Structure formats: C-alpha cells, structure tokens
Amino acid sequence: MRPRRLVTPWLLMAPALAVALIFHIVPFFRTVQLSFTDFRLASGGQYVGLENFGALATSDVFWLSAGNTLIYVVVAVPLLVTLPLLLAMLVQPKIPGMAFFRASFYTPVIASMVVVGLIWVFLLKERGPVNWLFQTLRIVQQPLPFLTDATLLLFSCILVTVWKGLGFYMVIYLTALANVPGELHEAAQMDGAGGIRRFFSVTIPSVRPTMLLVGVLSAIAAMKVYAEIFVIAGPTAGPGGQVRSMVFTIREVGSGFDGQVGYAAAMSLVLFVFTIGLTVALQKLSRENAEA
C-alpha cells in the first residue's frame, strides 16, 4: 500500500514534468551551454568561455537594446499597475449597461497584435487622426513625428502595449476588488472617510498582493517586448534601429543560417538574469511596503 502512495503522485505529475523537461528545462540548459560557444548553424561552434559576454559589455547595440528595454519597463509597468485598477473600479458597479464597457475595454486583449499595430500606425502617422486633432486644438503647430522620431516612436510602442494590456489586468483587478469586504468601506465611511481616503486606506491595502502580481507580470512582458516594436517600428526597429529591444536584437542576431546563435544565447541569458532580478526586487519592495 505504501509504495503505491509514493508512486501514484509521480505518475499523475509525469505528463506535466515531461512537458516542463522537454520544452523548458532542457532548452534552458542548452541556451546556457550555447552562450559559452561561438555556435552558428552554418559552421557549428567551439567553446569560447566568457568571450560572448565580453563582447556584449562593449557592444553599443546591446546597451542601446538594454536601455530601450529599461525605459519600456520603467514607463509601462507603473501605468499597467495603476490604470487597470482605476478602470476596474469604474466598471465594478453592477448597473445596467456596465457589461458593455467591460467587454469594450477587454476587446484589445483578444485582438491580433498585427491588427492593433496597423490601427495605431494609421492613427499616429503624420497626417493621421491624432496629429489632426492636436493641430485642430492648437496643441502643436506642426505634425508630431510619432513614427519617424526614435524617442516618440519608442513611447508610441509603449502606448500600444499599455492600451492593449489594460483589459487583461482590469479583469484581474475586478476579481481582487470583488473579494474586498464591503464592511471595510462601510466602517471607513462611518468614520467620515471620503472616496479618496477609502481608496488609499481600504482599497490599496486590500489589493496590494494583486498589484504585486500585475507588476511582476507586466514587468516580465515589458522585458520580452518584441511584437509591438516589429509591427509599429518595422523590421529595422525604427530609424537606424534606435528603437530595438533586447528580444528584438536577440532575434536579429541569432536568426538566419549564419546567425550568431552563441552570442544570441549569451544575450538571452543576460535578459533572463535581468528579469529574475527585477522580479525579486519588486517582491522585496512590496514586502517592505507591506511591513511599513
């Protein structure tokens, strides 16, 4: 009887463990191995030690990619943590017609990134609706080069990422808000707390674990951004490749029959370390705020 108890859990977990082993664990260790080689599909490779990492440290393209990725995280993550929460609070009341707004805000999540990108390219082009509106309201005199200036192009990509992610994180916040006891709001209201005071004293502490989850998920997504840049900035990552992210550069360097797979693997490993470090930092920051 006892051996069966020991074996049964492993038998039930075997399919999941096999998938994890084949599609995650083995590729990860293969990437680590390749990062210490000069492997190319056309010519194979040999062990080169830390040469790839030394090349990364002196590569302007790598630091440009890392800088753009950092800007992406710093700008997109706070917006994706706060805006969906406010949006969830707006659509939380169960009144007639609110389901329509919930569905409308969630629609960009299920839309194809290619379609979303093409729509925003149309909106942001020099003679597009956004520039027309800004000029009509006399906010600017000349059309803003959203799609040709490297800085504006990067922030346009961030705007699309935030817009597309609002609905997804809104749903997560709706679940968290539904679990906040109504008695807490009623007690705070009886003590004379207004809406803003209850938001910071009741709502924020109650959904703090969810805010951490959203922060971690959005940070990981921002670190891996690729599709938005490829669709909006084009296959060259904007003028002179100035809008490239780390994943974009990894794909560019490592793809093709003569791609530098070893060098791309080293960059992937650095990106992995950055992502783990950012996740740990967010968890530590959240824990310190909770204890304060």
C-alpha atoms as a PDB file:
ATOM      1  CA  MET A   1       0.000   0.000   0.000  1.00  0.00           C
ATOM      2  CA  ARG A   2       2.793   2.402   0.940  1.00  0.00           C
ATOM      3  CA  PRO A   3       4.748   2.065  -2.354  1.00  0.00           C
ATOM      4  CA  ARG A   4       1.549   2.816  -4.296  1.00  0.00           C
ATOM      5  CA  ARG A   5       1.090   6.030  -2.303  1.00  0.00           C
ATOM      6  CA  LEU A   6       4.606   7.062  -3.232  1.00  0.00           C
ATOM      7  CA  VAL A   7       4.337   6.197  -6.914  1.00  0.00           C
ATOM      8  CA  THR A   8       0.836   7.494  -7.682  1.00  0.00           C
ATOM      9  CA  PRO A   9       1.624  11.225  -7.288  1.00  0.00           C
ATOM     10  CA  TRP A  10       4.637  10.912  -9.587  1.00  0.00           C
ATOM     11  CA  LEU A  11       2.558   9.072 -12.187  1.00  0.00           C
ATOM     12  CA  LEU A  12      -0.040  11.857 -12.115  1.00  0.00           C
ATOM     13  CA  MET A  13       2.639  14.511 -12.434  1.00  0.00           C
ATOM     14  CA  ALA A  14       4.576  12.666 -15.127  1.00  0.00           C
ATOM     15  CA  PRO A  15       2.915  14.348 -18.179  1.00  0.00           C
ATOM     16  CA  ALA A  16       3.438  17.838 -16.753  1.00  0.00           C
ATOM     17  CA  LEU A  17       7.009  17.016 -15.750  1.00  0.00           C
ATOM     18  CA  ALA A  18       7.720  15.637 -19.222  1.00  0.00           C
ATOM     19  CA  VAL A  19       6.403  18.824 -20.884  1.00  0.00           C
ATOM     20  CA  ALA A  20       8.428  21.004 -18.500  1.00  0.00           C
ATOM     21  CA  LEU A  21      11.536  18.929 -19.094  1.00  0.00           C
ATOM     22  CA  ILE A  22      11.281  18.887 -22.907  1.00  0.00           C
ATOM     23  CA  PHE A  23      10.097  22.437 -23.550  1.00  0.00           C
ATOM     24  CA  HIS A  24      11.601  24.414 -20.655  1.00  0.00           C
ATOM     25  CA  ILE A  25      14.370  22.773 -18.658  1.00  0.00           C
ATOM     26  CA  VAL A  26      16.342  21.187 -21.490  1.00  0.00           C
ATOM     27  CA  PRO A  27      16.155  24.314 -23.742  1.00  0.00           C
ATOM     28  CA  PHE A  28      17.253  26.477 -20.797  1.00  0.00           C
ATOM     29  CA  PHE A  29      20.369  24.441 -20.094  1.00  0.00           C
ATOM     30  CA  ARG A  30      21.049  24.191 -23.846  1.00  0.00           C
ATOM     31  CA  THR A  31      20.917  28.005 -24.022  1.00  0.00           C
ATOM     32  CA  VAL A  32      23.360  28.247 -21.117  1.00  0.00           C
ATOM     33  CA  GLN A  33      25.687  25.834 -22.893  1.00  0.00           C
ATOM     34  CA  LEU A  34      25.472  27.716 -26.202  1.00  0.00           C
ATOM     35  CA  SER A  35      26.211  31.044 -24.520  1.00  0.00           C
ATOM     36  CA  PHE A  36      29.790  29.856 -23.927  1.00  0.00           C
ATOM     37  CA  THR A  37      30.319  28.909 -27.575  1.00  0.00           C
ATOM     38  CA  ASP A  38      30.576  30.666 -30.956  1.00  0.00           C
ATOM     39  CA  PHE A  39      27.932  28.347 -32.399  1.00  0.00           C
ATOM     40  CA  ARG A  40      26.486  29.110 -35.829  1.00  0.00           C
ATOM     41  CA  LEU A  41      24.077  26.933 -37.756  1.00  0.00           C
ATOM     42  CA  ALA A  42      26.299  27.040 -40.825  1.00  0.00           C
ATOM     43  CA  SER A  43      29.622  26.180 -39.212  1.00  0.00           C
ATOM     44  CA  GLY A  44      28.931  24.729 -35.766  1.00  0.00           C
ATOM     45  CA  GLY A  45      30.813  26.132 -32.806  1.00  0.00           C
ATOM     46  CA  GLN A  46      33.516  25.770 -30.192  1.00  0.00           C
ATOM     47  CA  TYR A  47      33.841  26.661 -26.544  1.00  0.00           C
ATOM     48  CA  VAL A  48      34.931  30.317 -26.173  1.00  0.00           C
ATOM     49  CA  GLY A  49      34.476  30.851 -22.441  1.00  0.00           C
ATOM     50  CA  LEU A  50      33.226  34.319 -21.495  1.00  0.00           C
ATOM     51  CA  GLU A  51      34.065  35.840 -24.873  1.00  0.00           C
ATOM     52  CA  ASN A  52      30.392  36.394 -25.792  1.00  0.00           C
ATOM     53  CA  PHE A  53      29.714  38.199 -22.514  1.00  0.00           C
ATOM     54  CA  GLY A  54      32.806  40.362 -23.005  1.00  0.00           C
ATOM     55  CA  ALA A  55      31.561  41.262 -26.486  1.00  0.00           C
ATOM     56  CA  LEU A  56      28.179  42.203 -25.003  1.00  0.00           C
ATOM     57  CA  ALA A  57      29.808  44.530 -22.471  1.00  0.00           C
ATOM     58  CA  THR A  58      31.480  46.525 -25.261  1.00  0.00           C
ATOM     59  CA  SER A  59      28.604  46.390 -27.746  1.00  0.00           C
ATOM     60  CA  ASP A  60      26.776  49.673 -28.384  1.00  0.00           C
ATOM     61  CA  VAL A  61      23.847  47.749 -29.873  1.00  0.00           C
ATOM     62  CA  PHE A  62      23.471  45.676 -26.711  1.00  0.00           C
ATOM     63  CA  TRP A  63      23.467  48.722 -24.422  1.00  0.00           C
ATOM     64  CA  LEU A  64      21.029  50.520 -26.745  1.00  0.00           C
ATOM     65  CA  SER A  65      18.720  47.488 -26.571  1.00  0.00           C
ATOM     66  CA  ALA A  66      19.094  47.229 -22.790  1.00  0.00           C
ATOM     67  CA  GLY A  67      18.402  50.960 -22.378  1.00  0.00           C
ATOM     68  CA  ASN A  68      15.254  50.823 -24.502  1.00  0.00           C
ATOM     69  CA  THR A  69      14.055  47.755 -22.595  1.00  0.00           C
ATOM     70  CA  LEU A  70      14.687  49.523 -19.282  1.00  0.00           C
ATOM     71  CA  ILE A  71      12.715  52.587 -20.460  1.00  0.00           C
ATOM     72  CA  TYR A  72       9.917  50.233 -21.531  1.00  0.00           C
ATOM     73  CA  VAL A  73       9.777  48.683 -18.059  1.00  0.00           C
ATOM     74  CA  VAL A  74      10.051  51.969 -16.138  1.00  0.00           C
ATOM     75  CA  VAL A  75       7.261  53.643 -18.138  1.00  0.00           C
ATOM     76  CA  ALA A  76       4.904  50.756 -18.931  1.00  0.00           C
ATOM     77  CA  VAL A  77       4.849  48.886 -15.601  1.00  0.00           C
ATOM     78  CA  PRO A  78       3.609  51.749 -13.346  1.00  0.00           C
ATOM     79  CA  LEU A  79       0.922  52.559 -15.919  1.00  0.00           C
ATOM     80  CA  LEU A  80      -0.158  48.925 -16.159  1.00  0.00           C
ATOM     81  CA  VAL A  81      -0.319  48.626 -12.364  1.00  0.00           C
ATOM     82  CA  THR A  82      -2.390  51.770 -11.722  1.00  0.00           C
ATOM     83  CA  LEU A  83      -4.580  52.406 -14.783  1.00  0.00           C
ATOM     84  CA  PRO A  84      -6.275  48.950 -14.851  1.00  0.00           C
ATOM     85  CA  LEU A  85      -7.064  49.329 -11.134  1.00  0.00           C
ATOM     86  CA  LEU A  86      -8.802  52.655 -11.752  1.00  0.00           C
ATOM     87  CA  LEU A  87     -10.550  51.152 -14.766  1.00  0.00           C
ATOM     88  CA  ALA A  88     -11.729  48.161 -12.706  1.00  0.00           C
ATOM     89  CA  MET A  89     -13.153  50.489 -10.054  1.00  0.00           C
ATOM     90  CA  LEU A  90     -15.069  52.373 -12.748  1.00  0.00           C
ATOM     91  CA  VAL A  91     -16.677  49.262 -14.236  1.00  0.00           C
ATOM     92  CA  GLN A  92     -17.117  47.354 -10.958  1.00  0.00           C
ATOM     93  CA  PRO A  93     -20.640  48.642 -10.077  1.00  0.00           C
ATOM     94  CA  LYS A  94     -23.332  46.214 -11.183  1.00  0.00           C
ATOM     95  CA  ILE A  95     -25.577  48.586 -13.090  1.00  0.00           C
ATOM     96  CA  PRO A  96     -27.340  48.059 -16.458  1.00  0.00           C
ATOM     97  CA  GLY A  97     -25.039  48.515 -19.435  1.00  0.00           C
ATOM     98  CA  MET A  98     -21.784  48.115 -17.497  1.00  0.00           C
ATOM     99  CA  ALA A  99     -21.110  44.727 -19.109  1.00  0.00           C
ATOM    100  CA  PHE A 100     -20.809  46.525 -22.458  1.00  0.00           C
ATOM    101  CA  PHE A 101     -17.990  48.733 -21.155  1.00  0.00           C
ATOM    102  CA  ARG A 102     -16.215  45.748 -19.573  1.00  0.00           C
ATOM    103  CA  ALA A 103     -16.321  43.900 -22.885  1.00  0.00           C
ATOM    104  CA  SER A 104     -15.193  47.015 -24.771  1.00  0.00           C
ATOM    105  CA  PHE A 105     -12.154  47.509 -22.544  1.00  0.00           C
ATOM    106  CA  TYR A 106     -11.256  43.821 -22.863  1.00  0.00           C
ATOM    107  CA  THR A 107     -11.572  43.700 -26.672  1.00  0.00           C
ATOM    108  CA  PRO A 108      -7.963  44.873 -27.393  1.00  0.00           C
ATOM    109  CA  VAL A 109      -6.671  41.893 -25.384  1.00  0.00           C
ATOM    110  CA  ILE A 110      -8.102  39.368 -27.826  1.00  0.00           C
ATOM    111  CA  ALA A 111      -7.300  41.438 -30.918  1.00  0.00           C
ATOM    112  CA  SER A 112      -4.336  40.432 -33.051  1.00  0.00           C
ATOM    113  CA  MET A 113      -1.175  42.440 -32.327  1.00  0.00           C
ATOM    114  CA  VAL A 114      -0.744  42.941 -36.069  1.00  0.00           C
ATOM    115  CA  VAL A 115      -4.224  44.447 -36.390  1.00  0.00           C
ATOM    116  CA  VAL A 116      -3.720  46.615 -33.312  1.00  0.00           C
ATOM    117  CA  GLY A 117      -0.361  47.789 -34.610  1.00  0.00           C
ATOM    118  CA  LEU A 118      -1.734  48.709 -38.031  1.00  0.00           C
ATOM    119  CA  ILE A 119      -4.564  50.666 -36.419  1.00  0.00           C
ATOM    120  CA  TRP A 120      -2.136  52.667 -34.290  1.00  0.00           C
ATOM    121  CA  VAL A 121       0.175  53.260 -37.252  1.00  0.00           C
ATOM    122  CA  PHE A 122      -2.817  54.778 -39.059  1.00  0.00           C
ATOM    123  CA  LEU A 123      -3.728  56.882 -36.001  1.00  0.00           C
ATOM    124  CA  LEU A 124      -0.190  58.151 -35.389  1.00  0.00           C
ATOM    125  CA  LYS A 125       1.038  58.793 -38.907  1.00  0.00           C
ATOM    126  CA  GLU A 126       1.965  62.344 -39.906  1.00  0.00           C
ATOM    127  CA  ARG A 127      -1.417  63.122 -41.447  1.00  0.00           C
ATOM    128  CA  GLY A 128      -3.364  60.779 -39.158  1.00  0.00           C
ATOM    129  CA  PRO A 129      -6.251  61.500 -36.772  1.00  0.00           C
ATOM    130  CA  VAL A 130      -4.047  62.157 -33.712  1.00  0.00           C
ATOM    131  CA  ASN A 131      -1.941  64.850 -35.412  1.00  0.00           C
ATOM    132  CA  TRP A 132      -5.089  66.315 -36.973  1.00  0.00           C
ATOM    133  CA  LEU A 133      -6.701  66.550 -33.513  1.00  0.00           C
ATOM    134  CA  PHE A 134      -3.612  68.115 -31.922  1.00  0.00           C
ATOM    135  CA  GLN A 135      -3.376  70.715 -34.695  1.00  0.00           C
ATOM    136  CA  THR A 136      -7.104  71.439 -34.603  1.00  0.00           C
ATOM    137  CA  LEU A 137      -6.912  72.051 -30.837  1.00  0.00           C
ATOM    138  CA  ARG A 138      -3.753  74.132 -31.481  1.00  0.00           C
ATOM    139  CA  ILE A 139      -1.704  71.941 -29.134  1.00  0.00           C
ATOM    140  CA  VAL A 140       1.012  71.764 -31.800  1.00  0.00           C
ATOM    141  CA  GLN A 141       1.707  73.782 -34.942  1.00  0.00           C
ATOM    142  CA  GLN A 142       3.409  71.034 -36.939  1.00  0.00           C
ATOM    143  CA  PRO A 143       2.573  67.304 -37.042  1.00  0.00           C
ATOM    144  CA  LEU A 144       4.458  65.292 -34.442  1.00  0.00           C
ATOM    145  CA  PRO A 145       6.757  62.632 -35.951  1.00  0.00           C
ATOM    146  CA  PHE A 146       5.360  59.763 -33.892  1.00  0.00           C
ATOM    147  CA  LEU A 147       6.605  57.147 -36.364  1.00  0.00           C
ATOM    148  CA  THR A 148       9.872  58.692 -37.539  1.00  0.00           C
ATOM    149  CA  ASP A 149      11.446  60.180 -34.404  1.00  0.00           C
ATOM    150  CA  ALA A 150      13.180  57.483 -32.353  1.00  0.00           C
ATOM    151  CA  THR A 151      12.073  58.780 -28.941  1.00  0.00           C
ATOM    152  CA  LEU A 152       8.452  59.361 -29.941  1.00  0.00           C
ATOM    153  CA  LEU A 153       8.406  56.011 -31.728  1.00  0.00           C
ATOM    154  CA  LEU A 154       9.547  54.188 -28.592  1.00  0.00           C
ATOM    155  CA  PHE A 155       6.863  55.882 -26.492  1.00  0.00           C
ATOM    156  CA  SER A 156       4.281  55.132 -29.200  1.00  0.00           C
ATOM    157  CA  CYS A 157       5.141  51.434 -28.841  1.00  0.00           C
ATOM    158  CA  ILE A 158       4.819  51.738 -25.050  1.00  0.00           C
ATOM    159  CA  LEU A 159       1.426  53.413 -25.526  1.00  0.00           C
ATOM    160  CA  VAL A 160       0.216  50.468 -27.598  1.00  0.00           C
ATOM    161  CA  THR A 161       1.491  47.971 -25.007  1.00  0.00           C
ATOM    162  CA  VAL A 162      -0.343  49.788 -22.220  1.00  0.00           C
ATOM    163  CA  TRP A 163      -3.534  50.182 -24.261  1.00  0.00           C
ATOM    164  CA  LYS A 164      -3.570  46.509 -25.201  1.00  0.00           C
ATOM    165  CA  GLY A 165      -2.872  45.313 -21.645  1.00  0.00           C
ATOM    166  CA  LEU A 166      -5.455  47.435 -19.820  1.00  0.00           C
ATOM    167  CA  GLY A 167      -8.327  44.983 -20.270  1.00  0.00           C
ATOM    168  CA  PHE A 168      -6.343  41.919 -19.209  1.00  0.00           C
ATOM    169  CA  TYR A 169      -5.133  43.415 -15.925  1.00  0.00           C
ATOM    170  CA  MET A 170      -8.548  45.051 -15.370  1.00  0.00           C
ATOM    171  CA  VAL A 171     -10.101  41.573 -15.173  1.00  0.00           C
ATOM    172  CA  ILE A 172      -7.511  40.521 -12.572  1.00  0.00           C
ATOM    173  CA  TYR A 173      -8.298  43.616 -10.502  1.00  0.00           C
ATOM    174  CA  LEU A 174     -12.051  43.021 -10.794  1.00  0.00           C
ATOM    175  CA  THR A 175     -11.564  39.641  -9.127  1.00  0.00           C
ATOM    176  CA  ALA A 176      -9.473  41.209  -6.368  1.00  0.00           C
ATOM    177  CA  LEU A 177     -11.968  44.037  -5.777  1.00  0.00           C
ATOM    178  CA  ALA A 178     -14.832  41.532  -5.519  1.00  0.00           C
ATOM    179  CA  ASN A 179     -13.030  39.925  -2.564  1.00  0.00           C
ATOM    180  CA  VAL A 180     -12.668  43.182  -0.610  1.00  0.00           C
ATOM    181  CA  PRO A 181     -15.190  43.015   2.281  1.00  0.00           C
ATOM    182  CA  GLY A 182     -17.853  45.693   1.926  1.00  0.00           C
ATOM    183  CA  GLU A 183     -17.825  46.128   5.726  1.00  0.00           C
ATOM    184  CA  LEU A 184     -14.419  47.777   5.496  1.00  0.00           C
ATOM    185  CA  HIS A 185     -15.728  50.502   3.199  1.00  0.00           C
ATOM    186  CA  GLU A 186     -18.852  50.931   5.331  1.00  0.00           C
ATOM    187  CA  ALA A 187     -16.797  51.271   8.533  1.00  0.00           C
ATOM    188  CA  ALA A 188     -14.446  53.789   6.903  1.00  0.00           C
ATOM    189  CA  GLN A 189     -17.423  55.724   5.557  1.00  0.00           C
ATOM    190  CA  MET A 190     -18.996  55.854   9.022  1.00  0.00           C
ATOM    191  CA  ASP A 191     -15.703  57.274  10.334  1.00  0.00           C
ATOM    192  CA  GLY A 192     -16.053  60.097   7.826  1.00  0.00           C
ATOM    193  CA  ALA A 193     -13.577  58.869   5.217  1.00  0.00           C
ATOM    194  CA  GLY A 194     -14.262  60.143   1.710  1.00  0.00           C
ATOM    195  CA  GLY A 195     -13.775  58.297  -1.542  1.00  0.00           C
ATOM    196  CA  ILE A 196     -10.077  59.197  -1.940  1.00  0.00           C
ATOM    197  CA  ARG A 197      -9.296  58.336   1.693  1.00  0.00           C
ATOM    198  CA  ARG A 198     -11.044  54.963   1.366  1.00  0.00           C
ATOM    199  CA  PHE A 199      -9.150  54.293  -1.860  1.00  0.00           C
ATOM    200  CA  PHE A 200      -5.776  54.674  -0.143  1.00  0.00           C
ATOM    201  CA  SER A 201      -6.782  53.236   3.256  1.00  0.00           C
ATOM    202  CA  VAL A 202      -9.008  50.326   2.227  1.00  0.00           C
ATOM    203  CA  THR A 203      -8.751  49.521  -1.472  1.00  0.00           C
ATOM    204  CA  ILE A 204      -4.979  49.757  -1.952  1.00  0.00           C
ATOM    205  CA  PRO A 205      -4.057  47.613   1.124  1.00  0.00           C
ATOM    206  CA  SER A 206      -6.686  45.034   0.151  1.00  0.00           C
ATOM    207  CA  VAL A 207      -5.441  44.592  -3.424  1.00  0.00           C
ATOM    208  CA  ARG A 208      -1.703  45.009  -2.727  1.00  0.00           C
ATOM    209  CA  PRO A 209      -0.897  41.323  -3.466  1.00  0.00           C
ATOM    210  CA  THR A 210      -2.739  41.657  -6.769  1.00  0.00           C
ATOM    211  CA  MET A 211      -0.804  44.845  -7.562  1.00  0.00           C
ATOM    212  CA  LEU A 212       2.416  42.890  -6.994  1.00  0.00           C
ATOM    213  CA  LEU A 213       1.184  40.137  -9.311  1.00  0.00           C
ATOM    214  CA  VAL A 214       0.267  42.659 -12.016  1.00  0.00           C
ATOM    215  CA  GLY A 215       3.609  44.406 -11.533  1.00  0.00           C
ATOM    216  CA  VAL A 216       5.555  41.174 -11.959  1.00  0.00           C
ATOM    217  CA  LEU A 217       3.515  40.020 -14.974  1.00  0.00           C
ATOM    218  CA  SER A 218       3.711  43.379 -16.742  1.00  0.00           C
ATOM    219  CA  ALA A 219       7.442  43.709 -15.967  1.00  0.00           C
ATOM    220  CA  ILE A 220       8.173  40.293 -17.466  1.00  0.00           C
ATOM    221  CA  ALA A 221       6.057  41.169 -20.518  1.00  0.00           C
ATOM    222  CA  ALA A 222       7.857  44.509 -20.911  1.00  0.00           C
ATOM    223  CA  MET A 223      11.254  42.806 -20.679  1.00  0.00           C
ATOM    224  CA  LYS A 224      10.223  40.484 -23.523  1.00  0.00           C
ATOM    225  CA  VAL A 225       8.595  43.110 -25.761  1.00  0.00           C
ATOM    226  CA  TYR A 226       9.002  42.382 -29.464  1.00  0.00           C
ATOM    227  CA  ALA A 227       5.754  42.342 -31.459  1.00  0.00           C
ATOM    228  CA  GLU A 228       4.827  45.979 -30.810  1.00  0.00           C
ATOM    229  CA  ILE A 229       8.228  47.192 -31.972  1.00  0.00           C
ATOM    230  CA  PHE A 230       8.273  44.944 -35.020  1.00  0.00           C
ATOM    231  CA  VAL A 231       4.774  45.972 -36.163  1.00  0.00           C
ATOM    232  CA  ILE A 232       4.936  49.704 -35.395  1.00  0.00           C
ATOM    233  CA  ALA A 233       8.625  50.500 -35.895  1.00  0.00           C
ATOM    234  CA  GLY A 234       9.111  47.968 -38.682  1.00  0.00           C
ATOM    235  CA  PRO A 235      11.642  45.161 -39.181  1.00  0.00           C
ATOM    236  CA  THR A 236      14.520  47.650 -38.812  1.00  0.00           C
ATOM    237  CA  ALA A 237      13.315  48.827 -35.351  1.00  0.00           C
ATOM    238  CA  GLY A 238      12.803  52.421 -36.411  1.00  0.00           C
ATOM    239  CA  PRO A 239      15.275  54.908 -37.913  1.00  0.00           C
ATOM    240  CA  GLY A 240      18.761  53.460 -37.571  1.00  0.00           C
ATOM    241  CA  GLY A 241      17.461  50.634 -35.397  1.00  0.00           C
ATOM    242  CA  GLN A 242      17.197  53.068 -32.464  1.00  0.00           C
ATOM    243  CA  VAL A 243      14.008  51.507 -31.018  1.00  0.00           C
ATOM    244  CA  ARG A 244      15.297  47.944 -30.726  1.00  0.00           C
ATOM    245  CA  SER A 245      14.626  45.965 -27.551  1.00  0.00           C
ATOM    246  CA  MET A 246      16.749  43.129 -26.199  1.00  0.00           C
ATOM    247  CA  VAL A 247      14.458  40.446 -27.615  1.00  0.00           C
ATOM    248  CA  PHE A 248      14.450  42.231 -30.970  1.00  0.00           C
ATOM    249  CA  THR A 249      18.249  42.205 -31.039  1.00  0.00           C
ATOM    250  CA  ILE A 250      18.392  38.557 -29.931  1.00  0.00           C
ATOM    251  CA  ARG A 251      16.118  37.598 -32.812  1.00  0.00           C
ATOM    252  CA  GLU A 252      18.097  39.715 -35.258  1.00  0.00           C
ATOM    253  CA  VAL A 253      21.496  38.389 -34.190  1.00  0.00           C
ATOM    254  CA  GLY A 254      20.577  34.735 -33.800  1.00  0.00           C
ATOM    255  CA  SER A 255      18.261  34.145 -36.763  1.00  0.00           C
ATOM    256  CA  GLY A 256      19.286  33.020 -40.200  1.00  0.00           C
ATOM    257  CA  PHE A 257      21.503  30.230 -41.445  1.00  0.00           C
ATOM    258  CA  ASP A 258      24.653  32.113 -40.408  1.00  0.00           C
ATOM    259  CA  GLY A 259      23.169  33.672 -37.250  1.00  0.00           C
ATOM    260  CA  GLN A 260      25.401  34.037 -34.189  1.00  0.00           C
ATOM    261  CA  VAL A 261      23.474  31.587 -32.038  1.00  0.00           C
ATOM    262  CA  GLY A 262      26.077  31.515 -29.260  1.00  0.00           C
ATOM    263  CA  TYR A 263      26.153  35.309 -28.992  1.00  0.00           C
ATOM    264  CA  ALA A 264      22.328  35.449 -29.032  1.00  0.00           C
ATOM    265  CA  ALA A 265      22.227  32.769 -26.307  1.00  0.00           C
ATOM    266  CA  ALA A 266      24.545  34.870 -24.134  1.00  0.00           C
ATOM    267  CA  MET A 267      22.260  37.869 -24.583  1.00  0.00           C
ATOM    268  CA  SER A 268      19.248  35.685 -23.717  1.00  0.00           C
ATOM    269  CA  LEU A 269      20.981  34.603 -20.526  1.00  0.00           C
ATOM    270  CA  VAL A 270      21.649  38.233 -19.564  1.00  0.00           C
ATOM    271  CA  LEU A 271      17.981  39.058 -20.234  1.00  0.00           C
ATOM    272  CA  PHE A 272      16.964  36.125 -18.026  1.00  0.00           C
ATOM    273  CA  VAL A 273      19.142  37.406 -15.166  1.00  0.00           C
ATOM    274  CA  PHE A 274      17.721  40.939 -15.571  1.00  0.00           C
ATOM    275  CA  THR A 275      14.165  39.559 -15.478  1.00  0.00           C
ATOM    276  CA  ILE A 276      14.784  37.438 -12.365  1.00  0.00           C
ATOM    277  CA  GLY A 277      16.497  40.372 -10.663  1.00  0.00           C
ATOM    278  CA  LEU A 278      13.603  42.715 -11.457  1.00  0.00           C
ATOM    279  CA  THR A 279      11.053  40.184 -10.182  1.00  0.00           C
ATOM    280  CA  VAL A 280      12.927  39.714  -6.894  1.00  0.00           C
ATOM    281  CA  ALA A 281      13.283  43.490  -6.490  1.00  0.00           C
ATOM    282  CA  LEU A 282       9.535  44.011  -6.981  1.00  0.00           C
ATOM    283  CA  GLN A 283       8.712  41.326  -4.423  1.00  0.00           C
ATOM    284  CA  LYS A 284      11.145  42.821  -1.903  1.00  0.00           C
ATOM    285  CA  LEU A 285       9.774  46.325  -2.473  1.00  0.00           C
ATOM    286  CA  SER A 286       6.207  45.099  -1.993  1.00  0.00           C
ATOM    287  CA  ARG A 287       7.150  43.219   1.207  1.00  0.00           C
ATOM    288  CA  GLU A 288       8.848  46.307   2.662  1.00  0.00           C
ATOM    289  CA  ASN A 289       5.821  48.472   1.859  1.00  0.00           C
ATOM    290  CA  ALA A 290       3.510  45.922   3.498  1.00  0.00           C
ATOM    291  CA  GLU A 291       5.631  45.858   6.651  1.00  0.00           C
ATOM    292  CA  ALA A 292       5.944  49.671   6.803  1.00  0.00           C
END
